[in-house]
Amino acid sequence: MTFRSASRTVPMPHSVRAKRSQAGVALIAAMMILALVATLAIAAMETTTRDQQVAGVQMRGRVAFQAAEAGLATALASLDGNTTPTLVAADIGVVGDYPQGQPRYQLDPAAATPVENLGAIPAPGMSLNINGSGPTFQLRMWRIHVEGSEPRGMTSRVEAAAAALWGN
């Protein structure tokens, strides 16, 4: 490109030509970088949201499992060897700690026999024969199935076999 003056033609300096050909390139580069940063921010936000959802599901699973464990501990505490272990469905925890509702435990409704008598075996080394008579001890064994649940529908099942010393 050239400039014309009244007397002669003057060539345009190279730097002016380069500036004109680069006009708008900085804007396009800035827009591309902005789009890339926005894409990365959206991806990070979605990852964080998914991580929170997964953590919530895991927490609800742990609460349901802990409720089942509490029910199992309650059933085992009622085990005395002489009677069948019992478990009455109950809520656990403090109401204020669970705004969605309290976790609960109960005998497992999916088990055919939630409390099963596995029989009795002699307790080795526990025969107290004094003068030919005395109590005979046995271990009475039970299988107990307990279900724990949390208010939003997560459940956990626990099964345990336990024995109680019983003398007759």
C-alpha atoms as a PDB file:
ATOM      1  CA  MET A   1       0.000   0.000   0.000  1.00  0.00           C
ATOM      2  CA  THR A   2       1.194   3.428  -0.769  1.00  0.00           C
ATOM      3  CA  PHE A   3       0.312   6.988   0.090  1.00  0.00           C
ATOM      4  CA  ARG A   4      -0.025   9.592  -2.612  1.00  0.00           C
ATOM      5  CA  SER A   5       0.900  13.092  -1.979  1.00  0.00           C
ATOM      6  CA  ALA A   6       0.686  15.943  -4.399  1.00  0.00           C
ATOM      7  CA  SER A   7       4.281  15.619  -5.385  1.00  0.00           C
ATOM      8  CA  ARG A   8       5.129  11.932  -5.006  1.00  0.00           C
ATOM      9  CA  THR A   9       4.124   8.493  -3.788  1.00  0.00           C
ATOM     10  CA  VAL A  10       5.462   7.497  -0.315  1.00  0.00           C
ATOM     11  CA  PRO A  11       5.460   3.803   0.716  1.00  0.00           C
ATOM     12  CA  MET A  12       3.621   2.907   3.973  1.00  0.00           C
ATOM     13  CA  PRO A  13       5.936   1.823   6.808  1.00  0.00           C
ATOM     14  CA  HIS A  14       6.026  -1.914   7.563  1.00  0.00           C
ATOM     15  CA  SER A  15       4.916  -1.462  11.225  1.00  0.00           C
ATOM     16  CA  VAL A  16       1.705   0.280  10.189  1.00  0.00           C
ATOM     17  CA  ARG A  17       0.852  -2.556   7.787  1.00  0.00           C
ATOM     18  CA  ALA A  18       1.495  -5.186  10.551  1.00  0.00           C
ATOM     19  CA  LYS A  19      -0.734  -3.329  13.021  1.00  0.00           C
ATOM     20  CA  ARG A  20      -3.568  -3.146  10.539  1.00  0.00           C
ATOM     21  CA  SER A  21      -3.353  -6.902   9.745  1.00  0.00           C
ATOM     22  CA  GLN A  22      -3.351  -7.755  13.481  1.00  0.00           C
ATOM     23  CA  ALA A  23      -6.319  -5.597  14.353  1.00  0.00           C
ATOM     24  CA  GLY A  24      -8.817  -7.735  16.372  1.00  0.00           C
ATOM     25  CA  VAL A  25      -6.455 -10.697  16.971  1.00  0.00           C
ATOM     26  CA  ALA A  26      -5.962  -9.731  20.626  1.00  0.00           C
ATOM     27  CA  LEU A  27      -9.728  -9.612  21.110  1.00  0.00           C
ATOM     28  CA  ILE A  28     -10.171 -13.057  19.555  1.00  0.00           C
ATOM     29  CA  ALA A  29      -7.336 -14.501  21.680  1.00  0.00           C
ATOM     30  CA  ALA A  30      -8.819 -12.982  24.848  1.00  0.00           C
ATOM     31  CA  MET A  31     -12.264 -14.401  24.004  1.00  0.00           C
ATOM     32  CA  MET A  32     -10.792 -17.884  23.423  1.00  0.00           C
ATOM     33  CA  ILE A  33      -8.939 -17.792  26.742  1.00  0.00           C
ATOM     34  CA  LEU A  34     -12.102 -16.593  28.504  1.00  0.00           C
ATOM     35  CA  ALA A  35     -14.106 -19.455  26.942  1.00  0.00           C
ATOM     36  CA  LEU A  36     -11.453 -21.977  28.054  1.00  0.00           C
ATOM     37  CA  VAL A  37     -11.455 -20.648  31.631  1.00  0.00           C
ATOM     38  CA  ALA A  38     -15.275 -20.727  31.722  1.00  0.00           C
ATOM     39  CA  THR A  39     -15.282 -24.342  30.483  1.00  0.00           C
ATOM     40  CA  LEU A  40     -12.786 -25.347  33.175  1.00  0.00           C
ATOM     41  CA  ALA A  41     -14.837 -23.577  35.854  1.00  0.00           C
ATOM     42  CA  ILE A  42     -18.039 -25.356  34.786  1.00  0.00           C
ATOM     43  CA  ALA A  43     -16.254 -28.733  34.771  1.00  0.00           C
ATOM     44  CA  ALA A  44     -14.866 -28.093  38.265  1.00  0.00           C
ATOM     45  CA  MET A  45     -18.310 -27.075  39.518  1.00  0.00           C
ATOM     46  CA  GLU A  46     -19.918 -30.247  38.111  1.00  0.00           C
ATOM     47  CA  THR A  47     -17.191 -32.412  39.653  1.00  0.00           C
ATOM     48  CA  THR A  48     -17.734 -30.788  43.038  1.00  0.00           C
ATOM     49  CA  THR A  49     -21.492 -31.306  42.790  1.00  0.00           C
ATOM     50  CA  ARG A  50     -21.042 -34.998  41.948  1.00  0.00           C
ATOM     51  CA  ASP A  51     -18.544 -35.443  44.779  1.00  0.00           C
ATOM     52  CA  GLN A  52     -21.060 -33.975  47.219  1.00  0.00           C
ATOM     53  CA  GLN A  53     -23.770 -36.311  45.940  1.00  0.00           C
ATOM     54  CA  VAL A  54     -21.514 -39.358  46.308  1.00  0.00           C
ATOM     55  CA  ALA A  55     -20.493 -38.281  49.811  1.00  0.00           C
ATOM     56  CA  GLY A  56     -24.176 -37.901  50.754  1.00  0.00           C
ATOM     57  CA  VAL A  57     -25.017 -41.402  49.525  1.00  0.00           C
ATOM     58  CA  GLN A  58     -22.048 -42.866  51.394  1.00  0.00           C
ATOM     59  CA  MET A  59     -23.020 -41.014  54.573  1.00  0.00           C
ATOM     60  CA  ARG A  60     -26.610 -42.283  54.370  1.00  0.00           C
ATOM     61  CA  GLY A  61     -25.288 -45.825  53.866  1.00  0.00           C
ATOM     62  CA  ARG A  62     -23.103 -45.490  56.972  1.00  0.00           C
ATOM     63  CA  VAL A  63     -26.046 -44.179  59.010  1.00  0.00           C
ATOM     64  CA  ALA A  64     -28.201 -47.144  57.910  1.00  0.00           C
ATOM     65  CA  PHE A  65     -25.383 -49.569  58.758  1.00  0.00           C
ATOM     66  CA  GLN A  66     -24.879 -47.994  62.187  1.00  0.00           C
ATOM     67  CA  ALA A  67     -28.613 -48.283  62.847  1.00  0.00           C
ATOM     68  CA  ALA A  68     -28.441 -52.001  61.960  1.00  0.00           C
ATOM     69  CA  GLU A  69     -25.430 -52.424  64.253  1.00  0.00           C
ATOM     70  CA  ALA A  70     -27.312 -50.682  67.090  1.00  0.00           C
ATOM     71  CA  GLY A  71     -30.250 -53.058  66.568  1.00  0.00           C
ATOM     72  CA  LEU A  72     -27.940 -56.050  66.599  1.00  0.00           C
ATOM     73  CA  ALA A  73     -26.321 -54.845  69.830  1.00  0.00           C
ATOM     74  CA  THR A  74     -29.776 -54.449  71.375  1.00  0.00           C
ATOM     75  CA  ALA A  75     -30.781 -57.970  70.327  1.00  0.00           C
ATOM     76  CA  LEU A  76     -27.514 -59.411  71.660  1.00  0.00           C
ATOM     77  CA  ALA A  77     -28.030 -57.613  74.963  1.00  0.00           C
ATOM     78  CA  SER A  78     -31.342 -59.453  75.359  1.00  0.00           C
ATOM     79  CA  LEU A  79     -29.628 -62.812  74.839  1.00  0.00           C
ATOM     80  CA  ASP A  80     -29.482 -64.699  78.132  1.00  0.00           C
ATOM     81  CA  GLY A  81     -29.455 -68.326  76.987  1.00  0.00           C
ATOM     82  CA  ASN A  82     -32.819 -69.086  78.475  1.00  0.00           C
ATOM     83  CA  THR A  83     -35.073 -67.130  76.119  1.00  0.00           C
ATOM     84  CA  THR A  84     -35.205 -66.181  72.473  1.00  0.00           C
ATOM     85  CA  PRO A  85     -33.473 -62.846  71.795  1.00  0.00           C
ATOM     86  CA  THR A  86     -35.918 -60.026  71.164  1.00  0.00           C
ATOM     87  CA  LEU A  87     -35.768 -56.820  69.220  1.00  0.00           C
ATOM     88  CA  VAL A  88     -38.471 -54.182  69.109  1.00  0.00           C
ATOM     89  CA  ALA A  89     -38.218 -51.740  66.193  1.00  0.00           C
ATOM     90  CA  ALA A  90     -36.973 -48.370  67.405  1.00  0.00           C
ATOM     91  CA  ASP A  91     -35.575 -45.044  66.264  1.00  0.00           C
ATOM     92  CA  ILE A  92     -32.059 -44.121  67.288  1.00  0.00           C
ATOM     93  CA  GLY A  93     -30.297 -40.828  67.836  1.00  0.00           C
ATOM     94  CA  VAL A  94     -31.423 -37.416  68.967  1.00  0.00           C
ATOM     95  CA  VAL A  95     -34.245 -35.794  66.995  1.00  0.00           C
ATOM     96  CA  GLY A  96     -32.351 -32.516  66.565  1.00  0.00           C
ATOM     97  CA  ASP A  97     -29.370 -34.292  64.991  1.00  0.00           C
ATOM     98  CA  TYR A  98     -31.495 -35.686  62.160  1.00  0.00           C
ATOM     99  CA  PRO A  99     -33.660 -32.967  60.547  1.00  0.00           C
ATOM    100  CA  GLN A 100     -34.810 -35.397  57.810  1.00  0.00           C
ATOM    101  CA  GLY A 101     -35.928 -37.986  60.392  1.00  0.00           C
ATOM    102  CA  GLN A 102     -34.206 -40.453  62.688  1.00  0.00           C
ATOM    103  CA  PRO A 103     -32.575 -43.699  61.580  1.00  0.00           C
ATOM    104  CA  ARG A 104     -34.229 -46.881  62.848  1.00  0.00           C
ATOM    105  CA  TYR A 105     -33.633 -50.590  63.268  1.00  0.00           C
ATOM    106  CA  GLN A 106     -35.894 -53.603  63.194  1.00  0.00           C
ATOM    107  CA  LEU A 107     -35.749 -57.339  62.648  1.00  0.00           C
ATOM    108  CA  ASP A 108     -35.009 -57.910  58.970  1.00  0.00           C
ATOM    109  CA  PRO A 109     -38.358 -58.316  57.151  1.00  0.00           C
ATOM    110  CA  ALA A 110     -36.564 -59.899  54.161  1.00  0.00           C
ATOM    111  CA  ALA A 111     -35.214 -62.792  56.273  1.00  0.00           C
ATOM    112  CA  ALA A 112     -37.384 -65.919  56.386  1.00  0.00           C
ATOM    113  CA  THR A 113     -36.505 -66.393  60.060  1.00  0.00           C
ATOM    114  CA  PRO A 114     -35.125 -63.153  61.555  1.00  0.00           C
ATOM    115  CA  VAL A 115     -34.219 -64.887  64.835  1.00  0.00           C
ATOM    116  CA  GLU A 116     -33.182 -68.489  64.298  1.00  0.00           C
ATOM    117  CA  ASN A 117     -32.348 -70.998  67.008  1.00  0.00           C
ATOM    118  CA  LEU A 118     -29.217 -72.850  65.878  1.00  0.00           C
ATOM    119  CA  GLY A 119     -29.396 -75.340  68.734  1.00  0.00           C
ATOM    120  CA  ALA A 120     -27.258 -76.006  71.761  1.00  0.00           C
ATOM    121  CA  ILE A 121     -23.948 -77.737  72.338  1.00  0.00           C
ATOM    122  CA  PRO A 122     -22.284 -78.712  75.587  1.00  0.00           C
ATOM    123  CA  ALA A 123     -19.977 -76.045  76.923  1.00  0.00           C
ATOM    124  CA  PRO A 124     -16.577 -77.713  77.201  1.00  0.00           C
ATOM    125  CA  GLY A 125     -15.004 -77.494  80.619  1.00  0.00           C
ATOM    126  CA  MET A 126     -18.155 -76.134  82.206  1.00  0.00           C
ATOM    127  CA  SER A 127     -19.543 -79.251  83.947  1.00  0.00           C
ATOM    128  CA  LEU A 128     -19.495 -78.613  87.655  1.00  0.00           C
ATOM    129  CA  ASN A 129     -20.076 -82.082  89.057  1.00  0.00           C
ATOM    130  CA  ILE A 130     -19.775 -81.865  92.799  1.00  0.00           C
ATOM    131  CA  ASN A 131     -20.514 -85.198  94.513  1.00  0.00           C
ATOM    132  CA  GLY A 132     -21.915 -86.579  91.265  1.00  0.00           C
ATOM    133  CA  SER A 133     -24.446 -83.826  90.695  1.00  0.00           C
ATOM    134  CA  GLY A 134     -24.469 -80.233  89.575  1.00  0.00           C
ATOM    135  CA  PRO A 135     -25.513 -78.063  86.722  1.00  0.00           C
ATOM    136  CA  THR A 136     -24.708 -78.893  83.132  1.00  0.00           C
ATOM    137  CA  PHE A 137     -23.891 -75.928  80.968  1.00  0.00           C
ATOM    138  CA  GLN A 138     -24.663 -75.507  77.321  1.00  0.00           C
ATOM    139  CA  LEU A 139     -24.035 -72.901  74.684  1.00  0.00           C
ATOM    140  CA  ARG A 140     -27.306 -71.934  73.026  1.00  0.00           C
ATOM    141  CA  MET A 141     -26.674 -70.436  69.609  1.00  0.00           C
ATOM    142  CA  TRP A 142     -28.804 -67.982  67.667  1.00  0.00           C
ATOM    143  CA  ARG A 143     -28.645 -66.324  64.260  1.00  0.00           C
ATOM    144  CA  ILE A 144     -30.095 -62.817  64.232  1.00  0.00           C
ATOM    145  CA  HIS A 145     -30.942 -60.722  61.122  1.00  0.00           C
ATOM    146  CA  VAL A 146     -31.364 -56.969  61.636  1.00  0.00           C
ATOM    147  CA  GLU A 147     -32.179 -54.189  59.184  1.00  0.00           C
ATOM    148  CA  GLY A 148     -31.183 -50.569  59.698  1.00  0.00           C
ATOM    149  CA  SER A 149     -32.650 -47.740  57.663  1.00  0.00           C
ATOM    150  CA  GLU A 150     -32.341 -44.017  57.312  1.00  0.00           C
ATOM    151  CA  PRO A 151     -35.247 -41.697  56.448  1.00  0.00           C
ATOM    152  CA  ARG A 152     -34.412 -41.207  52.769  1.00  0.00           C
ATOM    153  CA  GLY A 153     -34.646 -44.909  51.972  1.00  0.00           C
ATOM    154  CA  MET A 154     -31.123 -46.270  52.376  1.00  0.00           C
ATOM    155  CA  THR A 155     -31.112 -49.652  54.167  1.00  0.00           C
ATOM    156  CA  SER A 156     -28.441 -51.946  55.492  1.00  0.00           C
ATOM    157  CA  ARG A 157     -28.758 -55.525  56.704  1.00  0.00           C
ATOM    158  CA  VAL A 158     -26.604 -57.213  59.324  1.00  0.00           C
ATOM    159  CA  GLU A 159     -26.540 -60.871  60.310  1.00  0.00           C
ATOM    160  CA  ALA A 160     -24.744 -62.312  63.311  1.00  0.00           C
ATOM    161  CA  ALA A 161     -24.506 -65.637  65.065  1.00  0.00           C
ATOM    162  CA  ALA A 162     -24.180 -65.477  68.821  1.00  0.00           C
ATOM    163  CA  ALA A 163     -24.071 -67.925  71.700  1.00  0.00           C
ATOM    164  CA  ALA A 164     -25.224 -67.601  75.296  1.00  0.00           C
ATOM    165  CA  LEU A 165     -24.162 -69.787  78.192  1.00  0.00           C
ATOM    166  CA  TRP A 166     -27.096 -71.579  79.768  1.00  0.00           C
ATOM    167  CA  GLY A 167     -27.139 -73.866  82.767  1.00  0.00           C
ATOM    168  CA  ASN A 168     -29.778 -76.421  83.657  1.00  0.00           C
END
